[in-house]
Amino acid sequence: MAYLLVLWAFTLAPVSLIAPLREVSLLVGVLLGVGLLGEGQVRRRLLAAAVMLVGVGVLAVLVP
């Protein structure tokens, strides 16, 4: 289902905006791993996820 939603989004917006947003699923995975599974190295994982989120935000602002 998620793949179909991404394909549908490609028809509505430029690929340069949609492709980085697909990576937000990694952020969800980090949050679930830390919260539900109790994975270690929480600070490192959250820092990496925050850097990724900032990158997606920068792309959304800079790419028309």
Foldseek 3Di string as FASTA:
>chain_A
DVVVVLVVVVVVDPPLLSVLVVCLVLVVVLCCCCPVVVDPPNVVSVVVSVVSVVVSVVSVVPPD
